[in-house]
Amino acid sequence: MPPSLFLIFNHTFTAAQEQAAAGQLGVGEIVALPPELQALWSQVPPELPELRHYLQPLCRWLAAQAQPGDVVLIQGDFGATYLMVNFALAQGLIPVYATTRRQAREDHLPDGTVKMVHHFQHQMFRRYGV
C-alpha cells in the first residue's frame, strides 16, 4: 500500500505538486488538514512565547491519522515548522518541504512606487535533514 501524504502548510496544493507527490514520493492518498486545524496552522499567534501547547491539536491529529512511513509536507511559521518536523520524525514519518523556482518582475509605476510580481513554479519535494 503506498504511503499517504499529509499536508501541513498554508497554500493550495497545486496540480503540479499532486503529480510530483505521486511520481517522486510514490504517495497514494493526499490528506489535507481539517478546517479548524488549517486555521490554527495558518494563523500562529506571533505573541506566543512558546508553541508546544498551541500545536498539540495538530500533533494529536497527525498521530491518530498517519502511519510510520507516511509523508508529511510541513511549511509555515519557522518555529512551528521546526517543532512539527521533529514530531513527525519521532513518529516515524517522513517530513518534506516543497522547493520552487521563483521569477520576479519589478514594474516601476508613474507615482514612483514599485509593484513586484512573483511567479512560483513547483520543482520538487525535499526531505528535511537530508
Protein backbone atom coordinates (compact mmCIF):
# COMPACT_ATOMS: atom_id res chain seq x y z
CA MET A 1 0.00 0.00 0.00
CA PRO A 2 1.52 3.37 -0.98
CA PRO A 3 2.17 5.95 1.74
CA SER A 4 -0.21 8.85 2.29
CA LEU A 5 0.85 12.49 2.09
CA PHE A 6 -0.38 14.74 4.90
CA LEU A 7 -0.47 18.47 4.16
CA ILE A 8 0.55 20.85 6.93
CA PHE A 9 1.13 24.10 5.08
CA ASN A 10 -0.58 27.39 4.21
CA HIS A 11 -1.02 27.21 0.45
CA THR A 12 -3.26 25.46 -2.04
CA PHE A 13 -1.79 22.17 -3.18
CA THR A 14 -1.30 22.56 -6.94
CA ALA A 15 -1.81 20.03 -9.72
CA ALA A 16 1.97 20.07 -10.33
CA GLN A 17 2.58 19.25 -6.67
CA GLU A 18 -0.01 16.49 -6.78
CA GLN A 19 1.72 14.92 -9.79
CA ALA A 20 5.14 15.25 -8.12
CA ALA A 21 3.78 13.68 -4.92
CA ALA A 22 2.64 10.63 -6.86
CA GLY A 23 5.73 10.41 -9.07
CA GLN A 24 8.56 11.49 -6.77
CA LEU A 25 7.21 10.40 -3.40
CA GLY A 26 5.08 7.47 -4.53
CA VAL A 27 2.13 8.56 -2.42
CA GLY A 28 -1.43 7.44 -3.00
CA GLU A 29 -3.80 9.43 -0.83
CA ILE A 30 -3.34 13.15 -0.10
CA VAL A 31 -4.78 14.22 3.24
CA ALA A 32 -5.47 17.90 3.99
CA LEU A 33 -5.85 19.32 7.47
CA PRO A 34 -9.42 19.63 8.76
CA PRO A 35 -10.61 23.27 8.51
CA GLU A 36 -10.21 24.04 12.22
CA LEU A 37 -6.61 22.74 12.23
CA GLN A 38 -5.86 24.54 8.97
CA ALA A 39 -6.98 27.79 10.62
CA LEU A 40 -4.77 27.04 13.64
CA TRP A 41 -1.73 26.36 11.41
CA SER A 42 -2.33 29.35 9.14
CA GLN A 43 -2.59 31.88 11.96
CA VAL A 44 0.12 31.04 14.51
CA PRO A 45 -0.13 33.91 17.02
CA PRO A 46 3.08 35.96 16.88
CA GLU A 47 2.78 36.95 20.55
CA LEU A 48 3.03 33.40 21.95
CA PRO A 49 6.37 32.87 23.71
CA GLU A 50 6.26 29.10 23.01
CA LEU A 51 4.30 26.88 20.65
CA ARG A 52 4.32 23.31 22.04
CA HIS A 53 0.93 23.61 23.74
CA TYR A 54 -0.57 25.53 20.81
CA LEU A 55 0.45 22.77 18.36
CA GLN A 56 -0.93 19.87 20.43
CA PRO A 57 -4.17 19.59 18.39
CA LEU A 58 -2.08 19.19 15.21
CA CYS A 59 0.16 16.62 16.87
CA ARG A 60 -2.82 14.61 18.14
CA TRP A 61 -4.45 14.66 14.69
CA LEU A 62 -1.26 13.61 12.89
CA ALA A 63 -0.52 10.85 15.40
CA ALA A 64 -4.05 9.49 15.01
CA GLN A 65 -4.14 9.67 11.20
CA ALA A 66 -0.63 8.87 9.94
CA GLN A 67 1.27 5.60 9.91
CA PRO A 68 5.06 5.22 10.08
CA GLY A 69 6.43 5.71 6.56
CA ASP A 70 3.77 8.25 5.57
CA VAL A 71 4.98 11.58 4.21
CA VAL A 72 4.17 14.98 5.74
CA LEU A 73 4.55 18.25 3.82
CA ILE A 74 5.36 20.81 6.53
CA GLN A 75 5.82 24.52 5.75
CA GLY A 76 4.78 27.63 7.65
CA ASP A 77 5.84 29.58 10.73
CA PHE A 78 9.52 28.75 11.29
CA GLY A 79 9.20 27.72 14.93
CA ALA A 80 6.02 25.72 14.35
CA THR A 81 7.62 24.01 11.35
CA TYR A 82 10.68 23.07 13.42
CA LEU A 83 8.52 21.54 16.14
CA MET A 84 6.27 19.66 13.69
CA VAL A 85 9.25 18.28 11.74
CA ASN A 86 10.72 16.93 14.99
CA PHE A 87 7.33 15.49 15.96
CA ALA A 88 6.96 13.82 12.55
CA LEU A 89 10.42 12.28 12.78
CA ALA A 90 9.68 10.93 16.26
CA GLN A 91 6.52 9.29 14.84
CA GLY A 92 8.46 7.54 12.07
CA LEU A 93 7.03 9.84 9.41
CA ILE A 94 8.93 11.44 6.50
CA PRO A 95 8.77 15.25 6.68
CA VAL A 96 9.32 17.12 3.39
CA TYR A 97 9.04 20.64 2.02
CA ALA A 98 8.35 21.92 -1.47
CA THR A 99 11.03 23.68 -3.49
CA THR A 100 10.11 26.26 -6.11
CA ARG A 101 11.68 28.19 -8.94
CA ARG A 102 10.95 31.87 -8.43
CA GLN A 103 10.79 34.60 -11.01
CA ALA A 104 10.24 38.22 -10.03
CA ARG A 105 9.38 41.25 -12.11
CA GLU A 106 9.51 44.86 -10.99
CA ASP A 107 7.07 47.31 -12.51
CA HIS A 108 8.01 50.94 -11.84
CA LEU A 109 4.75 52.86 -11.68
CA PRO A 110 4.21 56.53 -12.62
CA ASP A 111 3.60 57.52 -8.99
CA GLY A 112 7.12 56.38 -8.03
CA THR A 113 6.06 53.12 -6.37
CA VAL A 114 7.29 49.71 -7.43
CA LYS A 115 4.94 46.79 -8.00
CA MET A 116 6.56 43.39 -7.53
CA VAL A 117 5.11 40.38 -9.33
CA HIS A 118 6.36 36.94 -8.27
CA HIS A 119 5.80 33.67 -10.09
CA PHE A 120 6.49 30.40 -8.29
CA GLN A 121 6.82 27.06 -10.08
CA HIS A 122 7.00 23.82 -8.13
CA GLN A 123 10.26 21.90 -8.66
CA MET A 124 10.38 19.00 -6.21
CA PHE A 125 9.90 17.85 -2.65
CA ARG A 126 12.96 17.73 -0.41
CA ARG A 127 13.29 15.75 2.83
CA TYR A 128 14.15 17.68 5.96
CA GLY A 129 17.58 16.84 7.34
CA VAL A 130 18.99 15.26 4.17
